[in-house]
Amino acid sequence: MKYTSTRGGTDPATLSEALAAGLAPDGGLFVPDAMPRVPLEDFEGADSLAAVAARLLAPFFAGDALADALPAICAEALDFEAPLKPTRVDGCAVLELFHGPTAAFKDFGARFLAACMQRLHGPGDTPRTILVATSGDTGAAVAAAFHRRPGLRVVILYPDGRVSPRQAHQLGCFGDNVRALRVDGSFDDCQRLVKQALGDAALQARMPLGSANSISLGRLLPQMAYHAHAALVHARRRGTPLNLVVPTGNLGNAFAAILARACGLPVGAIALATNANAVLPHFFAGADYAPQPSLATLANAMDVGAPSNFERLRWLYPDTANLRKAFVAESVDDATIRAVIARGEAQYGEVFCPHTACAIAVFERLRARRAGGDWAIAATAHPAKFERVVEPLVGHAVDVPPALAALLDRPACAEPMAADYAAFTHVLDRTRHAG
């Protein structure tokens, strides 16, 4: 399979080339030149997440240098669970995506991308610097996945003061080949700097760059796997499609679910849950797509005013009317997030992080409008990462997963930086000279 740009201005690339580049040369996002359909019988005997991933992603890797390594990549990267757990509310399950090393769903894609990039990097190759803008969880997942991998460096940009204290600690606790920058600005500023660097030919000539944001196919494709696995588990038990509510900021996790459905997996309705950054809900309600400056909310990992993967969504659904018919997108304010967290344990038997609470709120609205069927809520992060928000609302301490506790025990340091491209390139040049 080959990959083209959403903007149509570049020659087709192999998957390996697209993974290495991150962003297409014309500034667009890489997409497959044709969407494969994967027959359900291809998943017979595939019970684990890694096995489902290997079979689902095989058409996307077909003809690429990494194709033969795909089963090993899946086994290495997807070696923890994504259980579909029933709640106390009938017809509502939680797809727990926070059992990885940094307690967030970003671990799946980051580990998969790192496994791919390690295999693409030859012993005599110039070191490659992976750039990542993060609104909370992505940076730590990428840092953990790439930490101490030879020939690969990571530079993380995050908005200073707009991530939780535990998220900030994770971002700065790795060291070695990982550098954390706390940017005086918003996530959108961080994302703008990363995109500008990836499109800077002169900079790329000095130091090979790559991306680990959700714009990267190496992040996007493996995220299809846990949606597919949950849908298959549900279909085998109940014989019906599984509807999904996915919290979304940059639209990567939700678009992965959309791709899984497009491939023929038994996924039913897909609802997008945002926080007060309501660019997507406004569009799906009939307004023009109009990115806005991001707003700071309790669900900070979704504080995105210009969701990059919307470009891929428009590629898959070029007709605006059909796109608006295909999905529901709704916004949830901070007051509702607090209310859902406060009653979540008694009502659902679960303690929710602020992002998952957004999805629960949207599920409740859908049920109030008599939406039927079985629904899975994508639980994107462990609530212990947001203890200052969650614990006062639930009235008790939230247990910290052992892997997260180990990271919090490390010392942490992040370098301040202005939201300025010249300042960013200066840091990158220093990173290059540091070896």
Protein backbone atom coordinates (compact mmCIF):
# COMPACT_ATOMS: atom_id res chain seq x y z
CA MET A 1 0.00 0.00 0.00
CA LYS A 2 1.09 3.57 -0.70
CA TYR A 3 0.29 6.75 1.22
CA THR A 4 -0.65 10.14 -0.18
CA SER A 5 -1.24 13.57 1.32
CA THR A 6 -4.67 14.87 2.29
CA ARG A 7 -3.72 17.94 0.24
CA GLY A 8 -2.78 16.01 -2.88
CA GLY A 9 0.49 17.79 -3.47
CA THR A 10 3.06 15.01 -3.03
CA ASP A 11 4.05 11.75 -4.69
CA PRO A 12 2.88 8.50 -3.07
CA ALA A 13 5.10 7.31 -0.22
CA THR A 14 5.70 3.94 1.37
CA LEU A 15 4.55 3.43 4.93
CA SER A 16 8.14 3.55 6.17
CA GLU A 17 8.69 6.85 4.36
CA ALA A 18 5.48 8.26 5.84
CA LEU A 19 6.47 7.13 9.34
CA ALA A 20 9.90 8.74 9.02
CA ALA A 21 8.53 12.02 7.68
CA GLY A 22 5.56 12.40 10.04
CA LEU A 23 4.03 15.25 8.02
CA ALA A 24 3.63 15.13 4.23
CA PRO A 25 5.94 17.50 2.30
CA ASP A 26 3.02 19.71 1.22
CA GLY A 27 1.94 20.19 4.85
CA GLY A 28 -0.89 17.68 4.64
CA LEU A 29 -1.36 14.42 6.55
CA PHE A 30 -0.56 11.00 5.15
CA VAL A 31 -3.53 8.78 4.32
CA PRO A 32 -3.75 5.39 2.56
CA ASP A 33 -4.28 5.57 -1.18
CA ALA A 34 -7.19 3.15 -0.74
CA MET A 35 -9.12 2.00 2.32
CA PRO A 36 -8.89 -1.77 2.81
CA ARG A 37 -11.79 -3.91 3.96
CA VAL A 38 -10.81 -6.69 6.35
CA PRO A 39 -13.27 -9.62 6.44
CA LEU A 40 -14.38 -10.63 9.92
CA GLU A 41 -13.31 -14.21 9.25
CA ASP A 42 -9.72 -12.94 9.10
CA PHE A 43 -9.94 -12.43 12.88
CA GLU A 44 -10.88 -16.03 13.68
CA GLY A 45 -8.56 -17.28 16.40
CA ALA A 46 -7.29 -13.76 17.11
CA ASP A 47 -8.13 -13.22 20.77
CA SER A 48 -5.39 -10.95 22.08
CA LEU A 49 -5.03 -7.27 21.30
CA ALA A 50 -1.68 -7.90 19.58
CA ALA A 51 -3.15 -10.65 17.38
CA VAL A 52 -6.10 -8.47 16.32
CA ALA A 53 -3.71 -5.61 15.58
CA ALA A 54 -1.45 -7.76 13.40
CA ARG A 55 -4.35 -8.93 11.25
CA LEU A 56 -6.09 -5.56 11.07
CA LEU A 57 -2.94 -3.67 10.11
CA ALA A 58 -1.56 -6.20 7.63
CA PRO A 59 -3.13 -4.45 4.59
CA PHE A 60 -1.71 -1.10 5.73
CA PHE A 61 1.80 -2.63 5.92
CA ALA A 62 1.51 -4.63 2.68
CA GLY A 63 4.56 -4.21 0.45
CA ASP A 64 6.50 -2.20 3.04
CA ALA A 65 9.90 -2.99 4.52
CA LEU A 66 8.22 -3.39 7.92
CA ALA A 67 5.58 -5.87 6.76
CA ASP A 68 7.38 -9.02 7.92
CA ALA A 69 8.08 -7.44 11.31
CA LEU A 70 4.46 -6.42 11.95
CA PRO A 71 3.53 -9.38 14.23
CA ALA A 72 6.68 -8.80 16.31
CA ILE A 73 6.01 -5.05 16.49
CA CYS A 74 2.47 -5.70 17.72
CA ALA A 75 3.63 -8.25 20.29
CA GLU A 76 6.31 -5.87 21.60
CA ALA A 77 4.19 -2.71 21.71
CA LEU A 78 0.74 -4.00 22.65
CA ASP A 79 1.68 -6.21 25.58
CA PHE A 80 -0.84 -4.81 28.07
CA GLU A 81 -4.61 -5.06 28.21
CA ALA A 82 -7.42 -2.82 27.02
CA PRO A 83 -10.32 -4.52 28.83
CA LEU A 84 -13.97 -3.84 28.02
CA LYS A 85 -15.46 -3.58 31.50
CA PRO A 86 -19.21 -3.45 32.21
CA THR A 87 -20.48 -0.68 34.50
CA ARG A 88 -23.49 -0.63 36.80
CA VAL A 89 -25.49 1.14 34.08
CA ASP A 90 -27.15 -1.26 31.67
CA GLY A 91 -25.78 -1.04 28.14
CA CYS A 92 -22.72 0.97 29.19
CA ALA A 93 -19.22 -0.46 29.36
CA VAL A 94 -15.87 1.24 29.83
CA LEU A 95 -13.02 0.51 27.44
CA GLU A 96 -10.07 0.92 29.82
CA LEU A 97 -7.15 2.34 27.86
CA PHE A 98 -4.97 3.37 30.82
CA HIS A 99 -3.10 0.18 31.71
CA GLY A 100 0.12 1.11 29.92
CA PRO A 101 3.33 2.48 31.46
CA THR A 102 2.15 6.12 31.63
CA ALA A 103 -1.51 5.38 32.46
CA ALA A 104 -3.04 6.87 29.31
CA PHE A 105 -4.27 5.58 25.95
CA LYS A 106 -1.36 7.30 24.22
CA ASP A 107 0.88 4.42 25.34
CA PHE A 108 -0.51 2.14 22.62
CA GLY A 109 0.40 4.35 19.69
CA ALA A 110 3.64 5.67 21.16
CA ARG A 111 5.06 2.22 21.84
CA PHE A 112 4.03 1.00 18.39
CA LEU A 113 5.64 3.99 16.69
CA ALA A 114 8.84 3.56 18.69
CA ALA A 115 9.05 -0.11 17.75
CA CYS A 116 8.65 0.82 14.08
CA MET A 117 11.16 3.67 14.20
CA GLN A 118 13.76 1.53 15.95
CA ARG A 119 13.56 -1.02 13.13
CA LEU A 120 13.84 1.69 10.48
CA HIS A 121 16.96 3.22 12.06
CA GLY A 122 20.17 1.65 10.81
CA PRO A 123 23.36 1.50 12.91
CA GLY A 124 25.14 4.09 10.73
CA ASP A 125 22.19 6.45 10.29
CA THR A 126 22.20 10.02 11.56
CA PRO A 127 20.23 10.28 14.82
CA ARG A 128 16.58 11.24 14.27
CA THR A 129 14.82 13.73 16.54
CA ILE A 130 11.15 12.99 17.26
CA LEU A 131 9.11 16.12 17.92
CA VAL A 132 5.95 15.98 19.98
CA ALA A 133 3.53 18.67 21.08
CA THR A 134 1.41 17.57 24.02
CA SER A 135 -1.60 18.86 25.89
CA GLY A 136 -1.00 16.39 28.69
CA ASP A 137 -0.58 12.68 28.04
CA THR A 138 1.06 12.26 24.63
CA GLY A 139 4.48 13.57 25.67
CA ALA A 140 4.96 11.19 28.58
CA ALA A 141 3.85 8.21 26.49
CA VAL A 142 6.30 9.11 23.73
CA ALA A 143 9.09 9.76 26.23
CA ALA A 144 8.55 6.37 27.87
CA ALA A 145 8.36 4.57 24.52
CA PHE A 146 11.54 6.15 23.05
CA HIS A 147 13.57 6.46 26.26
CA ARG A 148 17.15 5.27 25.74
CA ARG A 149 16.49 3.90 22.25
CA PRO A 150 19.76 4.35 20.35
CA GLY A 151 19.77 6.75 17.42
CA LEU A 152 16.48 8.36 18.43
CA ARG A 153 15.96 11.56 20.39
CA VAL A 154 12.73 13.11 21.66
CA VAL A 155 11.87 16.79 22.16
CA ILE A 156 8.57 17.43 23.97
CA LEU A 157 6.73 20.76 23.93
CA TYR A 158 3.93 21.35 26.43
CA PRO A 159 1.99 24.46 27.51
CA ASP A 160 3.42 25.64 30.82
CA GLY A 161 0.80 25.63 33.58
CA ARG A 162 -1.85 23.90 31.44
CA VAL A 163 -1.15 20.30 32.34
CA SER A 164 -1.75 18.61 35.68
CA PRO A 165 1.17 18.52 38.15
CA ARG A 166 1.55 14.77 37.73
CA GLN A 167 1.46 15.09 33.95
CA ALA A 168 4.15 17.79 34.12
CA HIS A 169 6.30 15.58 36.34
CA GLN A 170 6.03 12.69 33.91
CA LEU A 171 7.04 14.91 31.00
CA GLY A 172 10.27 15.97 32.68
CA CYS A 173 11.31 12.79 34.49
CA PHE A 174 13.10 10.85 31.76
CA GLY A 175 16.27 12.72 30.75
CA ASP A 176 18.90 10.92 28.66
CA ASN A 177 17.66 11.20 25.05
CA VAL A 178 14.42 12.98 26.07
CA ARG A 179 14.18 16.77 26.40
CA ALA A 180 11.10 18.52 27.80
CA LEU A 181 10.24 22.15 26.95
CA ARG A 182 7.58 24.03 28.92
CA VAL A 183 6.30 26.59 26.46
CA ASP A 184 4.90 29.98 27.43
CA GLY A 185 1.71 29.50 25.40
CA SER A 186 -1.08 27.09 24.53
CA PHE A 187 -1.10 23.61 23.08
CA ASP A 188 -1.95 25.15 19.72
CA ASP A 189 1.28 27.16 19.95
CA CYS A 190 3.22 23.95 20.64
CA GLN A 191 1.56 22.18 17.73
CA ARG A 192 2.25 25.13 15.42
CA LEU A 193 5.96 25.05 16.28
CA VAL A 194 6.20 21.32 15.64
CA LYS A 195 4.43 21.58 12.28
CA GLN A 196 6.64 24.51 11.26
CA ALA A 197 9.78 22.56 12.12
CA LEU A 198 8.62 19.47 10.24
CA GLY A 199 8.04 21.61 7.16
CA ASP A 200 11.37 23.43 7.42
CA ALA A 201 13.63 21.99 4.70
CA ALA A 202 16.73 23.81 5.95
CA LEU A 203 16.25 22.46 9.48
CA GLN A 204 15.58 18.96 8.17
CA ALA A 205 18.85 19.16 6.22
CA ARG A 206 20.71 19.79 9.49
CA MET A 207 18.93 17.13 11.52
CA PRO A 208 16.41 14.45 10.47
CA LEU A 209 13.08 15.05 12.22
CA GLY A 210 9.99 12.97 12.82
CA SER A 211 6.66 13.39 14.54
CA ALA A 212 5.01 11.41 17.31
CA ASN A 213 1.79 13.41 17.50
CA SER A 214 -1.50 11.94 16.36
CA ILE A 215 -0.67 13.27 12.89
CA SER A 216 1.78 10.32 12.67
CA LEU A 217 0.49 7.18 11.00
CA GLY A 218 2.59 5.24 13.49
CA ARG A 219 0.36 6.56 16.25
CA LEU A 220 -2.91 6.48 14.37
CA LEU A 221 -2.91 2.99 12.89
CA PRO A 222 -2.31 0.98 16.11
CA GLN A 223 -5.04 2.93 17.89
CA MET A 224 -7.48 1.22 15.53
CA ALA A 225 -6.63 -2.06 17.24
CA TYR A 226 -8.22 -1.56 20.66
CA HIS A 227 -11.46 -0.25 19.14
CA ALA A 228 -11.48 -3.26 16.81
CA HIS A 229 -10.65 -5.70 19.61
CA ALA A 230 -13.43 -4.33 21.84
CA ALA A 231 -15.93 -4.50 18.97
CA LEU A 232 -14.97 -8.09 18.20
CA VAL A 233 -15.22 -9.12 21.86
CA HIS A 234 -18.66 -7.53 22.08
CA ALA A 235 -19.88 -9.01 18.78
CA ARG A 236 -18.78 -12.48 19.84
CA ARG A 237 -20.66 -12.13 23.13
CA ARG A 238 -23.79 -10.31 21.95
CA GLY A 239 -23.94 -10.60 18.19
CA THR A 240 -24.40 -6.84 17.74
CA PRO A 241 -22.19 -3.89 16.83
CA LEU A 242 -20.60 -1.90 19.63
CA ASN A 243 -21.35 1.83 19.75
CA LEU A 244 -18.55 4.11 20.94
CA VAL A 245 -18.23 7.44 22.72
CA VAL A 246 -14.69 8.75 22.33
CA PRO A 247 -13.28 11.80 24.15
CA THR A 248 -11.41 13.83 21.59
CA GLY A 249 -9.08 16.79 21.29
CA ASN A 250 -6.82 16.42 18.26
CA LEU A 251 -9.23 13.80 16.86
CA GLY A 252 -6.65 11.00 16.63
CA ASN A 253 -8.32 8.47 18.94
CA ALA A 254 -11.76 9.09 17.46
CA PHE A 255 -10.47 8.93 13.90
CA ALA A 256 -8.84 5.58 14.69
CA ALA A 257 -12.26 4.28 15.69
CA ILE A 258 -13.70 5.70 12.47
CA LEU A 259 -11.01 3.93 10.43
CA ALA A 260 -11.70 0.64 12.20
CA ARG A 261 -15.37 0.94 11.26
CA ALA A 262 -14.42 1.84 7.67
CA CYS A 263 -12.37 -1.37 7.50
CA GLY A 264 -15.48 -3.41 8.27
CA LEU A 265 -15.18 -4.01 12.02
CA PRO A 266 -18.49 -4.33 13.94
CA VAL A 267 -18.47 -0.75 15.26
CA GLY A 268 -21.85 0.97 15.33
CA ALA A 269 -22.47 4.63 16.06
CA ILE A 270 -19.47 6.80 16.98
CA ALA A 271 -20.02 9.89 19.14
CA LEU A 272 -17.30 12.49 19.68
CA ALA A 273 -17.08 14.09 23.13
CA THR A 274 -15.17 17.35 23.47
CA ASN A 275 -14.67 19.72 26.37
CA ALA A 276 -15.47 23.44 26.09
CA ASN A 277 -13.24 23.59 22.99
CA ALA A 278 -16.24 23.12 20.74
CA VAL A 279 -14.89 23.53 17.20
CA LEU A 280 -16.08 20.04 16.21
CA PRO A 281 -19.55 20.27 17.81
CA HIS A 282 -20.09 23.61 16.09
CA PHE A 283 -19.16 22.09 12.73
CA PHE A 284 -21.41 19.06 13.18
CA ALA A 285 -24.25 21.39 14.20
CA GLY A 286 -23.97 23.12 10.81
CA ALA A 287 -21.40 25.91 11.24
CA ASP A 288 -18.33 26.29 9.06
CA TYR A 289 -15.20 24.58 10.36
CA ALA A 290 -13.45 27.42 12.19
CA PRO A 291 -10.46 26.69 14.46
CA GLN A 292 -10.36 28.84 17.58
CA PRO A 293 -7.77 29.65 20.25
CA SER A 294 -7.85 26.80 22.75
CA LEU A 295 -9.51 27.22 26.13
CA ALA A 296 -8.06 25.79 29.34
CA THR A 297 -10.38 23.20 30.90
CA LEU A 298 -10.35 20.42 33.50
CA ALA A 299 -9.99 17.92 30.63
CA ASN A 300 -6.70 19.51 29.64
CA ALA A 301 -5.46 16.79 27.28
CA MET A 302 -8.36 17.79 25.01
CA ASP A 303 -7.65 21.53 25.09
CA VAL A 304 -7.28 21.78 21.32
CA GLY A 305 -8.73 24.58 19.21
CA ALA A 306 -7.48 23.31 15.84
CA PRO A 307 -7.82 19.50 15.72
CA SER A 308 -5.26 18.31 13.17
CA ASN A 309 -6.99 15.09 12.22
CA PHE A 310 -10.05 16.94 10.98
CA GLU A 311 -8.13 17.07 7.71
CA ARG A 312 -8.16 13.28 7.59
CA LEU A 313 -11.84 13.20 8.47
CA ARG A 314 -12.62 15.47 5.50
CA TRP A 315 -10.52 13.17 3.30
CA LEU A 316 -12.58 10.13 4.34
CA TYR A 317 -15.89 12.03 4.07
CA PRO A 318 -15.40 14.62 1.32
CA ASP A 319 -19.11 15.41 1.20
CA THR A 320 -19.93 17.72 4.12
CA ALA A 321 -23.57 16.64 4.35
CA ASN A 322 -22.59 12.97 4.57
CA LEU A 323 -19.93 13.75 7.16
CA ARG A 324 -22.42 15.56 9.39
CA LYS A 325 -24.85 12.65 9.12
CA ALA A 326 -22.17 10.12 10.08
CA PHE A 327 -21.32 11.33 13.59
CA VAL A 328 -22.51 13.11 16.68
CA ALA A 329 -20.16 15.62 18.36
CA GLU A 330 -21.02 17.36 21.63
CA SER A 331 -19.27 19.73 24.02
CA VAL A 332 -19.11 19.30 27.81
CA ASP A 333 -18.32 22.15 30.20
CA ASP A 334 -16.28 21.99 33.40
CA ALA A 335 -19.33 22.08 35.67
CA THR A 336 -20.69 18.94 34.00
CA ILE A 337 -17.30 17.25 34.21
CA ARG A 338 -17.24 17.87 37.96
CA ALA A 339 -20.79 16.58 38.36
CA VAL A 340 -20.09 13.36 36.45
CA ILE A 341 -16.93 12.64 38.46
CA ALA A 342 -18.72 13.34 41.75
CA ARG A 343 -21.48 10.80 41.08
CA GLY A 344 -19.56 8.38 38.87
CA GLU A 345 -18.55 5.94 41.59
CA ALA A 346 -22.05 5.60 43.03
CA GLN A 347 -23.81 5.45 39.67
CA TYR A 348 -21.36 3.56 37.46
CA GLY A 349 -19.04 1.92 39.97
CA GLU A 350 -16.10 3.80 38.43
CA VAL A 351 -13.89 6.77 39.21
CA PHE A 352 -13.49 8.76 36.00
CA CYS A 353 -10.77 11.09 34.81
CA PRO A 354 -12.03 14.45 33.45
CA HIS A 355 -11.73 13.30 29.82
CA THR A 356 -13.66 10.11 30.38
CA ALA A 357 -16.26 12.16 32.25
CA CYS A 358 -16.86 14.14 29.05
CA ALA A 359 -17.68 10.90 27.24
CA ILE A 360 -19.99 9.76 30.05
CA ALA A 361 -21.89 13.06 29.82
CA VAL A 362 -22.37 12.62 26.08
CA PHE A 363 -23.50 9.01 26.57
CA GLU A 364 -26.12 10.20 29.06
CA ARG A 365 -27.40 12.78 26.57
CA LEU A 366 -27.67 10.11 23.89
CA ARG A 367 -29.60 7.82 26.21
CA ALA A 368 -31.90 10.71 27.17
CA ARG A 369 -32.63 11.03 23.43
CA ARG A 370 -33.44 7.30 23.40
CA ALA A 371 -30.31 6.10 21.64
CA GLY A 372 -30.38 2.32 21.94
CA GLY A 373 -27.80 -0.43 21.73
CA ASP A 374 -24.72 -1.18 23.76
CA TRP A 375 -22.15 1.58 24.24
CA ALA A 376 -18.48 1.60 25.21
CA ILE A 377 -16.94 4.70 26.76
CA ALA A 378 -13.27 5.15 25.89
CA ALA A 379 -11.59 5.72 29.27
CA THR A 380 -8.51 7.52 28.06
CA ALA A 381 -6.50 8.14 31.24
CA HIS A 382 -6.27 6.89 34.81
CA PRO A 383 -7.95 9.27 37.29
CA ALA A 384 -4.83 9.25 39.48
CA LYS A 385 -3.15 11.53 36.93
CA PHE A 386 -5.65 14.25 37.88
CA GLU A 387 -5.79 13.83 41.64
CA ARG A 388 -6.25 17.55 42.37
CA VAL A 389 -9.47 17.54 40.33
CA VAL A 390 -10.76 14.06 41.06
CA GLU A 391 -10.03 13.38 44.74
CA PRO A 392 -11.97 16.35 46.21
CA LEU A 393 -14.97 15.34 44.10
CA VAL A 394 -14.98 11.63 45.02
CA GLY A 395 -14.02 12.27 48.64
CA HIS A 396 -11.06 9.88 48.89
CA ALA A 397 -7.59 9.26 47.55
CA VAL A 398 -7.27 7.49 44.20
CA ASP A 399 -4.80 4.61 44.14
CA VAL A 400 -1.81 5.30 41.90
CA PRO A 401 -0.92 2.50 39.46
CA PRO A 402 2.57 1.07 40.16
CA ALA A 403 4.04 2.17 36.80
CA LEU A 404 2.84 5.75 37.31
CA ALA A 405 4.12 5.75 40.91
CA ALA A 406 7.57 4.71 39.68
CA LEU A 407 7.69 7.68 37.29
CA LEU A 408 6.55 10.10 39.98
CA ASP A 409 9.42 8.94 42.20
CA ARG A 410 11.99 10.14 39.65
CA PRO A 411 13.37 13.69 39.66
CA ALA A 412 11.95 15.89 36.90
CA CYS A 413 13.15 18.93 34.98
CA ALA A 414 11.73 20.90 32.03
CA GLU A 415 13.31 23.82 30.19
CA PRO A 416 11.28 27.05 29.79
CA MET A 417 10.85 28.37 26.25
CA ALA A 418 8.97 31.18 24.52
CA ALA A 419 6.32 30.25 21.96
CA ASP A 420 8.68 31.43 19.25
CA TYR A 421 10.07 29.52 16.27
CA ALA A 422 13.55 31.05 16.50
CA ALA A 423 13.77 29.98 20.14
CA PHE A 424 12.64 26.49 19.19
CA THR A 425 15.17 26.05 16.39
CA HIS A 426 17.89 27.28 18.77
CA VAL A 427 16.95 24.50 21.21
CA LEU A 428 16.91 21.93 18.40
CA ASP A 429 20.36 22.98 17.21
CA ARG A 430 21.67 22.64 20.76
CA THR A 431 20.07 19.20 20.94
CA ARG A 432 21.85 18.22 17.72
CA HIS A 433 25.24 19.38 18.96
CA ALA A 434 24.71 17.59 22.28
CA GLY A 435 25.07 14.31 20.41
